[in-house]
PDB file of N, CA and C in Angstrom:
ATOM      1  N   MET A   1       3.275   0.218  11.880  1.00  0.00           N
ATOM      2  CA  MET A   1       3.662   1.402  12.620  1.00  0.00           C
ATOM      3  C   MET A   1       4.980   1.129  13.346  1.00  0.00           C
ATOM      4  N   GLU A   2       5.812   2.131  13.385  1.00  0.00           N
ATOM      5  CA  GLU A   2       7.092   2.023  14.083  1.00  0.00           C
ATOM      6  C   GLU A   2       6.873   1.965  15.596  1.00  0.00           C
ATOM      7  N   THR A   3       7.886   1.530  16.312  1.00  0.00           N
ATOM      8  CA  THR A   3       7.827   1.505  17.766  1.00  0.00           C
ATOM      9  C   THR A   3       7.701   2.923  18.299  1.00  0.00           C
ATOM     10  N   LEU A   4       6.769   3.133  19.212  1.00  0.00           N
ATOM     11  CA  LEU A   4       6.603   4.453  19.815  1.00  0.00           C
ATOM     12  C   LEU A   4       7.711   4.719  20.823  1.00  0.00           C
ATOM     13  N   ILE A   5       8.171   5.961  20.864  1.00  0.00           N
ATOM     14  CA  ILE A   5       9.149   6.377  21.864  1.00  0.00           C
ATOM     15  C   ILE A   5       8.511   7.472  22.706  1.00  0.00           C
ATOM     16  N   ASP A   6       9.111   7.737  23.860  1.00  0.00           N
ATOM     17  CA  ASP A   6       8.595   8.841  24.670  1.00  0.00           C
ATOM     18  C   ASP A   6       9.547  10.027  24.574  1.00  0.00           C
ATOM     19  N   TRP A   7       9.185  11.119  25.197  1.00  0.00           N
ATOM     20  CA  TRP A   7       9.953  12.356  25.107  1.00  0.00           C
ATOM     21  C   TRP A   7      11.388  12.153  25.587  1.00  0.00           C
ATOM     22  N   ASN A   8      11.573  11.362  26.639  1.00  0.00           N
ATOM     23  CA  ASN A   8      12.921  11.119  27.161  1.00  0.00           C
ATOM     24  C   ASN A   8      13.801  10.433  26.118  1.00  0.00           C
ATOM     25  N   ASP A   9      13.218   9.535  25.333  1.00  0.00           N
ATOM     26  CA  ASP A   9      13.981   8.888  24.256  1.00  0.00           C
ATOM     27  C   ASP A   9      14.423   9.925  23.231  1.00  0.00           C
ATOM     28  N   PHE A  10      13.506  10.796  22.828  1.00  0.00           N
ATOM     29  CA  PHE A  10      13.826  11.829  21.839  1.00  0.00           C
ATOM     30  C   PHE A  10      14.924  12.758  22.347  1.00  0.00           C
ATOM     31  N   GLU A  11      14.867  13.125  23.616  1.00  0.00           N
ATOM     32  CA  GLU A  11      15.864  14.045  24.176  1.00  0.00           C
ATOM     33  C   GLU A  11      17.275  13.462  24.179  1.00  0.00           C
ATOM     34  N   LYS A  12      17.414  12.153  24.075  1.00  0.00           N
ATOM     35  CA  LYS A  12      18.733  11.522  24.040  1.00  0.00           C
ATOM     36  C   LYS A  12      19.434  11.736  22.703  1.00  0.00           C
ATOM     37  N   ILE A  13      18.669  12.041  21.654  1.00  0.00           N
ATOM     38  CA  ILE A  13      19.237  12.206  20.322  1.00  0.00           C
ATOM     39  C   ILE A  13      19.707  13.644  20.155  1.00  0.00           C
ATOM     40  N   ASP A  14      20.982  13.814  19.859  1.00  0.00           N
ATOM     41  CA  ASP A  14      21.559  15.147  19.664  1.00  0.00           C
ATOM     42  C   ASP A  14      21.666  15.410  18.161  1.00  0.00           C
ATOM     43  N   ILE A  15      20.747  16.222  17.645  1.00  0.00           N
ATOM     44  CA  ILE A  15      20.680  16.520  16.218  1.00  0.00           C
ATOM     45  C   ILE A  15      21.117  17.963  16.019  1.00  0.00           C
ATOM     46  N   ARG A  16      22.094  18.156  15.150  1.00  0.00           N
ATOM     47  CA  ARG A  16      22.681  19.485  14.955  1.00  0.00           C
ATOM     48  C   ARG A  16      22.807  19.821  13.475  1.00  0.00           C
ATOM     49  N   VAL A  17      23.011  21.111  13.208  1.00  0.00           N
ATOM     50  CA  VAL A  17      23.263  21.579  11.854  1.00  0.00           C
ATOM     51  C   VAL A  17      24.768  21.793  11.690  1.00  0.00           C
ATOM     52  N   GLY A  18      25.269  21.466  10.514  1.00  0.00           N
ATOM     53  CA  GLY A  18      26.676  21.682  10.200  1.00  0.00           C
ATOM     54  C   GLY A  18      26.841  22.011   8.731  1.00  0.00           C
ATOM     55  N   THR A  19      28.014  22.525   8.393  1.00  0.00           N
ATOM     56  CA  THR A  19      28.321  22.880   7.008  1.00  0.00           C
ATOM     57  C   THR A  19      29.379  21.936   6.462  1.00  0.00           C
ATOM     58  N   ILE A  20      29.119  21.398   5.278  1.00  0.00           N
ATOM     59  CA  ILE A  20      30.072  20.490   4.641  1.00  0.00           C
ATOM     60  C   ILE A  20      31.275  21.293   4.154  1.00  0.00           C
ATOM     61  N   LEU A  21      32.454  20.948   4.672  1.00  0.00           N
ATOM     62  CA  LEU A  21      33.703  21.598   4.266  1.00  0.00           C
ATOM     63  C   LEU A  21      34.332  20.893   3.069  1.00  0.00           C
ATOM     64  N   ASP A  22      34.166  19.572   3.032  1.00  0.00           N
ATOM     65  CA  ASP A  22      34.787  18.796   1.969  1.00  0.00           C
ATOM     66  C   ASP A  22      33.979  17.532   1.719  1.00  0.00           C
ATOM     67  N   ALA A  23      33.971  17.093   0.493  1.00  0.00           N
ATOM     68  CA  ALA A  23      33.312  15.846   0.105  1.00  0.00           C
ATOM     69  C   ALA A  23      34.208  15.161  -0.920  1.00  0.00           C
ATOM     70  N   THR A  24      34.468  13.877  -0.702  1.00  0.00           N
ATOM     71  CA  THR A  24      35.299  13.106  -1.626  1.00  0.00           C
ATOM     72  C   THR A  24      34.638  11.760  -1.894  1.00  0.00           C
ATOM     73  N   PRO A  25      34.855  11.203  -3.074  1.00  0.00           N
ATOM     74  CA  PRO A  25      34.327   9.869  -3.354  1.00  0.00           C
ATOM     75  C   PRO A  25      34.888   8.851  -2.362  1.00  0.00           C
ATOM     76  N   PHE A  26      34.108   7.825  -2.081  1.00  0.00           N
ATOM     77  CA  PHE A  26      34.502   6.788  -1.132  1.00  0.00           C
ATOM     78  C   PHE A  26      34.393   5.428  -1.827  1.00  0.00           C
ATOM     79  N   PRO A  27      35.370   5.109  -2.682  1.00  0.00           N
ATOM     80  CA  PRO A  27      35.284   3.886  -3.483  1.00  0.00           C
ATOM     81  C   PRO A  27      35.328   2.590  -2.671  1.00  0.00           C
ATOM     82  N   ARG A  28      35.838   2.616  -1.442  1.00  0.00           N
ATOM     83  CA  ARG A  28      35.922   1.392  -0.634  1.00  0.00           C
ATOM     84  C   ARG A  28      34.591   1.015   0.008  1.00  0.00           C
ATOM     85  N   ALA A  29      33.627   1.919   0.031  1.00  0.00           N
ATOM     86  CA  ALA A  29      32.316   1.619   0.614  1.00  0.00           C
ATOM     87  C   ALA A  29      31.595   0.569  -0.229  1.00  0.00           C
ATOM     88  N   LYS A  30      30.767  -0.263   0.425  1.00  0.00           N
ATOM     89  CA  LYS A  30      30.029  -1.302  -0.293  1.00  0.00           C
ATOM     90  C   LYS A  30      29.044  -0.709  -1.293  1.00  0.00           C
ATOM     91  N   LYS A  31      28.353   0.340  -0.881  1.00  0.00           N
ATOM     92  CA  LYS A  31      27.412   1.045  -1.754  1.00  0.00           C
ATOM     93  C   LYS A  31      28.018   2.405  -2.080  1.00  0.00           C
ATOM     94  N   PRO A  32      27.689   2.990  -3.240  1.00  0.00           N
ATOM     95  CA  PRO A  32      28.264   4.297  -3.596  1.00  0.00           C
ATOM     96  C   PRO A  32      28.045   5.325  -2.486  1.00  0.00           C
ATOM     97  N   ALA A  33      29.139   5.997  -2.100  1.00  0.00           N
ATOM     98  CA  ALA A  33      29.076   6.944  -0.988  1.00  0.00           C
ATOM     99  C   ALA A  33      30.157   8.003  -1.135  1.00  0.00           C
ATOM    100  N   TYR A  34      30.005   9.046  -0.325  1.00  0.00           N
ATOM    101  CA  TYR A  34      31.024  10.091  -0.201  1.00  0.00           C
ATOM    102  C   TYR A  34      31.510  10.126   1.241  1.00  0.00           C
ATOM    103  N   ARG A  35      32.757  10.561   1.417  1.00  0.00           N
ATOM    104  CA  ARG A  35      33.282  10.896   2.733  1.00  0.00           C
ATOM    105  C   ARG A  35      33.091  12.392   2.892  1.00  0.00           C
ATOM    106  N   LEU A  36      32.422  12.786   3.959  1.00  0.00           N
ATOM    107  CA  LEU A  36      32.142  14.200   4.205  1.00  0.00           C
ATOM    108  C   LEU A  36      32.920  14.689   5.416  1.00  0.00           C
ATOM    109  N   THR A  37      33.402  15.923   5.349  1.00  0.00           N
ATOM    110  CA  THR A  37      33.981  16.620   6.492  1.00  0.00           C
ATOM    111  C   THR A  37      33.027  17.758   6.796  1.00  0.00           C
ATOM    112  N   ILE A  38      32.493  17.777   8.034  1.00  0.00           N
ATOM    113  CA  ILE A  38      31.417  18.700   8.385  1.00  0.00           C
ATOM    114  C   ILE A  38      31.811  19.529   9.602  1.00  0.00           C
ATOM    115  N   ASP A  39      31.595  20.850   9.502  1.00  0.00           N
ATOM    116  CA  ASP A  39      31.876  21.779  10.594  1.00  0.00           C
ATOM    117  C   ASP A  39      30.619  21.967  11.432  1.00  0.00           C
ATOM    118  N   PHE A  40      30.685  21.549  12.702  1.00  0.00           N
ATOM    119  CA  PHE A  40      29.575  21.713  13.626  1.00  0.00           C
ATOM    120  C   PHE A  40      29.833  22.833  14.634  1.00  0.00           C
ATOM    121  N   GLY A  41      30.591  23.846  14.235  1.00  0.00           N
ATOM    122  CA  GLY A  41      30.830  25.007  15.098  1.00  0.00           C
ATOM    123  C   GLY A  41      31.505  24.601  16.391  1.00  0.00           C
ATOM    124  N   PRO A  42      30.886  24.938  17.545  1.00  0.00           N
ATOM    125  CA  PRO A  42      31.510  24.649  18.840  1.00  0.00           C
ATOM    126  C   PRO A  42      31.761  23.166  19.096  1.00  0.00           C
ATOM    127  N   LEU A  43      31.055  22.286  18.385  1.00  0.00           N
ATOM    128  CA  LEU A  43      31.262  20.842  18.561  1.00  0.00           C
ATOM    129  C   LEU A  43      32.458  20.331  17.779  1.00  0.00           C
ATOM    130  N   GLY A  44      32.991  21.173  16.894  1.00  0.00           N
ATOM    131  CA  GLY A  44      34.158  20.788  16.116  1.00  0.00           C
ATOM    132  C   GLY A  44      33.804  20.214  14.754  1.00  0.00           C
ATOM    133  N   ILE A  45      34.819  19.665  14.136  1.00  0.00           N
ATOM    134  CA  ILE A  45      34.697  19.102  12.792  1.00  0.00           C
ATOM    135  C   ILE A  45      34.590  17.587  12.913  1.00  0.00           C
ATOM    136  N   ARG A  46      33.616  17.029  12.199  1.00  0.00           N
ATOM    137  CA  ARG A  46      33.405  15.581  12.232  1.00  0.00           C
ATOM    138  C   ARG A  46      33.337  15.047  10.813  1.00  0.00           C
ATOM    139  N   GLN A  47      33.559  13.746  10.699  1.00  0.00           N
ATOM    140  CA  GLN A  47      33.528  13.077   9.395  1.00  0.00           C
ATOM    141  C   GLN A  47      32.323  12.147   9.339  1.00  0.00           C
ATOM    142  N   SER A  48      31.838  11.934   8.139  1.00  0.00           N
ATOM    143  CA  SER A  48      30.716  11.019   7.949  1.00  0.00           C
ATOM    144  C   SER A  48      30.818  10.367   6.580  1.00  0.00           C
ATOM    145  N   SER A  49      30.335   9.144   6.509  1.00  0.00           N
ATOM    146  CA  SER A  49      30.162   8.469   5.229  1.00  0.00           C
ATOM    147  C   SER A  49      28.682   8.588   4.889  1.00  0.00           C
ATOM    148  N   ALA A  50      28.387   9.031   3.669  1.00  0.00           N
ATOM    149  CA  ALA A  50      26.990   9.249   3.299  1.00  0.00           C
ATOM    150  C   ALA A  50      26.704   8.687   1.908  1.00  0.00           C
ATOM    151  N   GLN A  51      25.658   7.900   1.820  1.00  0.00           N
ATOM    152  CA  GLN A  51      25.243   7.306   0.539  1.00  0.00           C
ATOM    153  C   GLN A  51      24.309   8.282  -0.177  1.00  0.00           C
ATOM    154  N   ILE A  52      24.897   9.348  -0.711  1.00  0.00           N
ATOM    155  CA  ILE A  52      24.110  10.432  -1.319  1.00  0.00           C
ATOM    156  C   ILE A  52      24.579  10.740  -2.737  1.00  0.00           C
ATOM    157  N   THR A  53      25.180   9.752  -3.390  1.00  0.00           N
ATOM    158  CA  THR A  53      25.776   9.992  -4.707  1.00  0.00           C
ATOM    159  C   THR A  53      24.753  10.152  -5.824  1.00  0.00           C
ATOM    160  N   HIS A  54      23.533   9.690  -5.625  1.00  0.00           N
ATOM    161  CA  HIS A  54      22.532   9.745  -6.691  1.00  0.00           C
ATOM    162  C   HIS A  54      22.126  11.189  -7.031  1.00  0.00           C
ATOM    163  N   HIS A  55      21.884  11.996  -6.026  1.00  0.00           N
ATOM    164  CA  HIS A  55      21.389  13.358  -6.246  1.00  0.00           C
ATOM    165  C   HIS A  55      22.462  14.441  -6.113  1.00  0.00           C
ATOM    166  N   TYR A  56      23.642  14.097  -5.606  1.00  0.00           N
ATOM    167  CA  TYR A  56      24.644  15.116  -5.276  1.00  0.00           C
ATOM    168  C   TYR A  56      26.009  14.780  -5.861  1.00  0.00           C
ATOM    169  N   SER A  57      26.726  15.828  -6.273  1.00  0.00           N
ATOM    170  CA  SER A  57      28.126  15.690  -6.688  1.00  0.00           C
ATOM    171  C   SER A  57      28.986  16.283  -5.585  1.00  0.00           C
ATOM    172  N   VAL A  58      30.259  15.900  -5.539  1.00  0.00           N
ATOM    173  CA  VAL A  58      31.142  16.431  -4.490  1.00  0.00           C
ATOM    174  C   VAL A  58      31.234  17.957  -4.583  1.00  0.00           C
ATOM    175  N   ASP A  59      31.250  18.491  -5.787  1.00  0.00           N
ATOM    176  CA  ASP A  59      31.338  19.945  -5.946  1.00  0.00           C
ATOM    177  C   ASP A  59      30.100  20.653  -5.421  1.00  0.00           C
ATOM    178  N   LYS A  60      28.932  20.063  -5.593  1.00  0.00           N
ATOM    179  CA  LYS A  60      27.684  20.673  -5.139  1.00  0.00           C
ATOM    180  C   LYS A  60      27.566  20.647  -3.616  1.00  0.00           C
ATOM    181  N   LEU A  61      28.177  19.658  -2.977  1.00  0.00           N
ATOM    182  CA  LEU A  61      28.032  19.492  -1.526  1.00  0.00           C
ATOM    183  C   LEU A  61      28.823  20.498  -0.703  1.00  0.00           C
ATOM    184  N   LYS A  62      29.967  20.918  -1.198  1.00  0.00           N
ATOM    185  CA  LYS A  62      30.817  21.829  -0.423  1.00  0.00           C
ATOM    186  C   LYS A  62      30.071  23.125  -0.140  1.00  0.00           C
ATOM    187  N   GLY A  63      30.009  23.482   1.150  1.00  0.00           N
ATOM    188  CA  GLY A  63      29.326  24.697   1.572  1.00  0.00           C
ATOM    189  C   GLY A  63      27.862  24.506   1.928  1.00  0.00           C
ATOM    190  N   GLU A  64      27.312  23.311   1.654  1.00  0.00           N
ATOM    191  CA  GLU A  64      25.907  23.044   1.981  1.00  0.00           C
ATOM    192  C   GLU A  64      25.754  22.746   3.470  1.00  0.00           C
ATOM    193  N   GLN A  65      24.667  23.212   4.047  1.00  0.00           N
ATOM    194  CA  GLN A  65      24.369  22.875   5.434  1.00  0.00           C
ATOM    195  C   GLN A  65      23.526  21.610   5.463  1.00  0.00           C
ATOM    196  N   VAL A  66      23.798  20.761   6.453  1.00  0.00           N
ATOM    197  CA  VAL A  66      23.091  19.497   6.610  1.00  0.00           C
ATOM    198  C   VAL A  66      22.687  19.320   8.068  1.00  0.00           C
ATOM    199  N   ILE A  67      21.802  18.375   8.281  1.00  0.00           N
ATOM    200  CA  ILE A  67      21.337  18.009   9.615  1.00  0.00           C
ATOM    201  C   ILE A  67      21.907  16.627   9.923  1.00  0.00           C
ATOM    202  N   ALA A  68      22.452  16.457  11.139  1.00  0.00           N
ATOM    203  CA  ALA A  68      23.072  15.171  11.483  1.00  0.00           C
ATOM    204  C   ALA A  68      22.897  14.851  12.961  1.00  0.00           C
ATOM    205  N   ILE A  69      22.869  13.566  13.245  1.00  0.00           N
ATOM    206  CA  ILE A  69      22.912  13.099  14.628  1.00  0.00           C
ATOM    207  C   ILE A  69      24.383  13.023  15.012  1.00  0.00           C
ATOM    208  N   VAL A  70      24.750  13.705  16.108  1.00  0.00           N
ATOM    209  CA  VAL A  70      26.167  13.808  16.463  1.00  0.00           C
ATOM    210  C   VAL A  70      26.553  13.014  17.707  1.00  0.00           C
ATOM    211  N   ASN A  71      25.593  12.298  18.316  1.00  0.00           N
ATOM    212  CA  ASN A  71      25.963  11.563  19.527  1.00  0.00           C
ATOM    213  C   ASN A  71      25.882  10.047  19.385  1.00  0.00           C
ATOM    214  N   PHE A  72      26.008   9.538  18.152  1.00  0.00           N
ATOM    215  CA  PHE A  72      26.245   8.114  17.960  1.00  0.00           C
ATOM    216  C   PHE A  72      27.729   7.854  18.165  1.00  0.00           C
ATOM    217  N   PRO A  73      28.102   6.657  18.620  1.00  0.00           N
ATOM    218  CA  PRO A  73      29.536   6.356  18.678  1.00  0.00           C
ATOM    219  C   PRO A  73      30.091   6.260  17.260  1.00  0.00           C
ATOM    220  N   PRO A  74      31.392   6.534  17.077  1.00  0.00           N
ATOM    221  CA  PRO A  74      31.986   6.399  15.740  1.00  0.00           C
ATOM    222  C   PRO A  74      31.771   4.989  15.189  1.00  0.00           C
ATOM    223  N   LYS A  75      31.582   4.907  13.875  1.00  0.00           N
ATOM    224  CA  LYS A  75      31.358   3.624  13.214  1.00  0.00           C
ATOM    225  C   LYS A  75      32.403   3.442  12.128  1.00  0.00           C
ATOM    226  N   ASN A  76      33.061   2.296  12.131  1.00  0.00           N
ATOM    227  CA  ASN A  76      34.065   2.003  11.115  1.00  0.00           C
ATOM    228  C   ASN A  76      33.366   1.506   9.856  1.00  0.00           C
ATOM    229  N   ILE A  77      33.526   2.266   8.783  1.00  0.00           N
ATOM    230  CA  ILE A  77      32.933   1.900   7.496  1.00  0.00           C
ATOM    231  C   ILE A  77      34.075   1.771   6.496  1.00  0.00           C
ATOM    232  N   ALA A  78      34.419   0.558   6.155  1.00  0.00           N
ATOM    233  CA  ALA A  78      35.487   0.267   5.194  1.00  0.00           C
ATOM    234  C   ALA A  78      36.785   1.001   5.550  1.00  0.00           C
ATOM    235  N   GLY A  79      37.141   0.950   6.837  1.00  0.00           N
ATOM    236  CA  GLY A  79      38.389   1.570   7.292  1.00  0.00           C
ATOM    237  C   GLY A  79      38.295   3.065   7.557  1.00  0.00           C
ATOM    238  N   PHE A  80      37.110   3.637   7.472  1.00  0.00           N
ATOM    239  CA  PHE A  80      36.890   5.073   7.683  1.00  0.00           C
ATOM    240  C   PHE A  80      36.009   5.248   8.914  1.00  0.00           C
ATOM    241  N   GLN A  81      36.395   6.161   9.819  1.00  0.00           N
ATOM    242  CA  GLN A  81      35.620   6.408  11.026  1.00  0.00           C
ATOM    243  C   GLN A  81      34.533   7.445  10.759  1.00  0.00           C
ATOM    244  N   SER A  82      33.290   6.994  10.679  1.00  0.00           N
ATOM    245  CA  SER A  82      32.155   7.895  10.511  1.00  0.00           C
ATOM    246  C   SER A  82      31.722   8.353  11.902  1.00  0.00           C
ATOM    247  N   GLU A  83      31.741   9.664  12.144  1.00  0.00           N
ATOM    248  CA  GLU A  83      31.533  10.221  13.485  1.00  0.00           C
ATOM    249  C   GLU A  83      30.163  10.850  13.700  1.00  0.00           C
ATOM    250  N   CYS A  84      29.341  10.870  12.672  1.00  0.00           N
ATOM    251  CA  CYS A  84      27.989  11.398  12.796  1.00  0.00           C
ATOM    252  C   CYS A  84      27.135  10.789  11.696  1.00  0.00           C
ATOM    253  N   LEU A  85      25.822  10.897  11.845  1.00  0.00           N
ATOM    254  CA  LEU A  85      24.897  10.352  10.860  1.00  0.00           C
ATOM    255  C   LEU A  85      24.145  11.501  10.198  1.00  0.00           C
ATOM    256  N   VAL A  86      24.451  11.747   8.938  1.00  0.00           N
ATOM    257  CA  VAL A  86      23.783  12.791   8.168  1.00  0.00           C
ATOM    258  C   VAL A  86      22.383  12.284   7.821  1.00  0.00           C
ATOM    259  N   LEU A  87      21.374  13.137   8.019  1.00  0.00           N
ATOM    260  CA  LEU A  87      19.985  12.724   7.835  1.00  0.00           C
ATOM    261  C   LEU A  87      19.443  13.103   6.467  1.00  0.00           C
ATOM    262  N   GLY A  88      18.594  12.242   5.955  1.00  0.00           N
ATOM    263  CA  GLY A  88      17.970  12.489   4.666  1.00  0.00           C
ATOM    264  C   GLY A  88      16.670  11.732   4.536  1.00  0.00           C
ATOM    265  N   ILE A  89      16.024  11.926   3.414  1.00  0.00           N
ATOM    266  CA  ILE A  89      14.747  11.297   3.103  1.00  0.00           C
ATOM    267  C   ILE A  89      14.967  10.348   1.930  1.00  0.00           C
ATOM    268  N   TYR A  90      14.461   9.122   2.034  1.00  0.00           N
ATOM    269  CA  TYR A  90      14.538   8.203   0.906  1.00  0.00           C
ATOM    270  C   TYR A  90      13.438   8.560  -0.081  1.00  0.00           C
ATOM    271  N   ASP A  91      13.831   8.887  -1.311  1.00  0.00           N
ATOM    272  CA  ASP A  91      12.837   9.218  -2.332  1.00  0.00           C
ATOM    273  C   ASP A  91      12.241   7.937  -2.919  1.00  0.00           C
ATOM    274  N   GLU A  92      11.402   8.084  -3.941  1.00  0.00           N
ATOM    275  CA  GLU A  92      10.703   6.948  -4.535  1.00  0.00           C
ATOM    276  C   GLU A  92      11.642   5.899  -5.123  1.00  0.00           C
ATOM    277  N   SER A  93      12.859   6.307  -5.516  1.00  0.00           N
ATOM    278  CA  SER A  93      13.825   5.348  -6.060  1.00  0.00           C
ATOM    279  C   SER A  93      14.817   4.874  -4.994  1.00  0.00           C
ATOM    280  N   ASN A  94      14.530   5.188  -3.724  1.00  0.00           N
ATOM    281  CA  ASN A  94      15.358   4.800  -2.570  1.00  0.00           C
ATOM    282  C   ASN A  94      16.700   5.532  -2.521  1.00  0.00           C
ATOM    283  N   ALA A  95      16.799   6.667  -3.213  1.00  0.00           N
ATOM    284  CA  ALA A  95      17.980   7.521  -3.141  1.00  0.00           C
ATOM    285  C   ALA A  95      17.743   8.577  -2.058  1.00  0.00           C
ATOM    286  N   VAL A  96      18.814   9.025  -1.423  1.00  0.00           N
ATOM    287  CA  VAL A  96      18.690   9.947  -0.295  1.00  0.00           C
ATOM    288  C   VAL A  96      18.669  11.404  -0.755  1.00  0.00           C
ATOM    289  N   VAL A  97      17.698  12.142  -0.211  1.00  0.00           N
ATOM    290  CA  VAL A  97      17.614  13.592  -0.371  1.00  0.00           C
ATOM    291  C   VAL A  97      17.938  14.176   1.004  1.00  0.00           C
ATOM    292  N   LEU A  98      18.984  14.993   1.086  1.00  0.00           N
ATOM    293  CA  LEU A  98      19.438  15.526   2.365  1.00  0.00           C
ATOM    294  C   LEU A  98      18.422  16.446   3.022  1.00  0.00           C
ATOM    295  N   LEU A  99      18.367  16.379   4.355  1.00  0.00           N
ATOM    296  CA  LEU A  99      17.615  17.362   5.131  1.00  0.00           C
ATOM    297  C   LEU A  99      18.521  18.572   5.299  1.00  0.00           C
ATOM    298  N   GLU A 100      18.003  19.748   4.987  1.00  0.00           N
ATOM    299  CA  GLU A 100      18.785  20.977   5.064  1.00  0.00           C
ATOM    300  C   GLU A 100      17.928  22.091   5.642  1.00  0.00           C
ATOM    301  N   PRO A 101      18.538  23.029   6.394  1.00  0.00           N
ATOM    302  CA  PRO A 101      17.753  24.177   6.849  1.00  0.00           C
ATOM    303  C   PRO A 101      17.322  25.025   5.649  1.00  0.00           C
ATOM    304  N   LYS A 102      16.181  25.642   5.768  1.00  0.00           N
ATOM    305  CA  LYS A 102      15.647  26.454   4.671  1.00  0.00           C
ATOM    306  C   LYS A 102      16.420  27.755   4.495  1.00  0.00           C
ATOM    307  N   MET A 103      17.062  28.227   5.575  1.00  0.00           N
ATOM    308  CA  MET A 103      17.883  29.417   5.499  1.00  0.00           C
ATOM    309  C   MET A 103      19.165  29.172   6.293  1.00  0.00           C
ATOM    310  N   PRO A 104      20.241  29.908   5.987  1.00  0.00           N
ATOM    311  CA  PRO A 104      21.506  29.694   6.706  1.00  0.00           C
ATOM    312  C   PRO A 104      21.360  29.955   8.210  1.00  0.00           C
ATOM    313  N   VAL A 105      21.957  29.068   8.992  1.00  0.00           N
ATOM    314  CA  VAL A 105      21.988  29.209  10.448  1.00  0.00           C
ATOM    315  C   VAL A 105      23.406  28.883  10.926  1.00  0.00           C
ATOM    316  N   SER A 106      23.694  29.193  12.167  1.00  0.00           N
ATOM    317  CA  SER A 106      25.024  28.950  12.717  1.00  0.00           C
ATOM    318  C   SER A 106      25.273  27.456  12.881  1.00  0.00           C
ATOM    319  N   ASN A 107      26.485  27.027  12.545  1.00  0.00           N
ATOM    320  CA  ASN A 107      26.882  25.637  12.719  1.00  0.00           C
ATOM    321  C   ASN A 107      26.797  25.245  14.186  1.00  0.00           C
ATOM    322  N   GLY A 108      26.298  24.047  14.436  1.00  0.00           N
ATOM    323  CA  GLY A 108      26.233  23.507  15.789  1.00  0.00           C
ATOM    324  C   GLY A 108      24.896  23.730  16.476  1.00  0.00           C
ATOM    325  N   LEU A 109      23.997  24.519  15.873  1.00  0.00           N
ATOM    326  CA  LEU A 109      22.704  24.733  16.531  1.00  0.00           C
ATOM    327  C   LEU A 109      21.949  23.415  16.622  1.00  0.00           C
ATOM    328  N   LYS A 110      21.220  23.260  17.719  1.00  0.00           N
ATOM    329  CA  LYS A 110      20.507  22.022  18.018  1.00  0.00           C
ATOM    330  C   LYS A 110      19.138  22.020  17.348  1.00  0.00           C
ATOM    331  N   ILE A 111      18.771  20.857  16.822  1.00  0.00           N
ATOM    332  CA  ILE A 111      17.460  20.667  16.228  1.00  0.00           C
ATOM    333  C   ILE A 111      16.560  20.093  17.321  1.00  0.00           C
ATOM    334  N   GLY A 112      15.328  20.549  17.382  1.00  0.00           N
ATOM    335  CA  GLY A 112      14.419  20.035  18.416  1.00  0.00           C
ATOM    336  C   GLY A 112      12.995  20.242  18.029  1.00  0.00           C
TER     337      GLY A 112
END
C-alpha cells in the first residue's frame, strides 16, 4: 500500500485542465517523448515533456484536453524546461494513457 496522505497534503496539489496547442517529437529525451505546449487559460501557457508516444501521434494530440499538475517547480529534461506534469494511467504494457475530461471544459479549471 502507498503512503497515506491527509486532506491538507491533497490540497497542496494544483491539478488543472488544459488544451494541447502543439506537440513535437523530443529526440533528446532518454525515453521516447513529446514536447507539449499546453494552454491553461488564466494560468497561461506551459510546456511539458511527456512519454506518451506509444498511444499518441503529434497530430492526434493537438486540440486534446489533458489533466496536469501545475504547481511543481520546472524540471530540466535534456535541456528542456518542463513546467507541468501531464497525468496518465500506465496500461498493461507500461505505456501511458492520458487522463482527459469526458466533455470539453474551460482551460484552467481546477480538478478536485
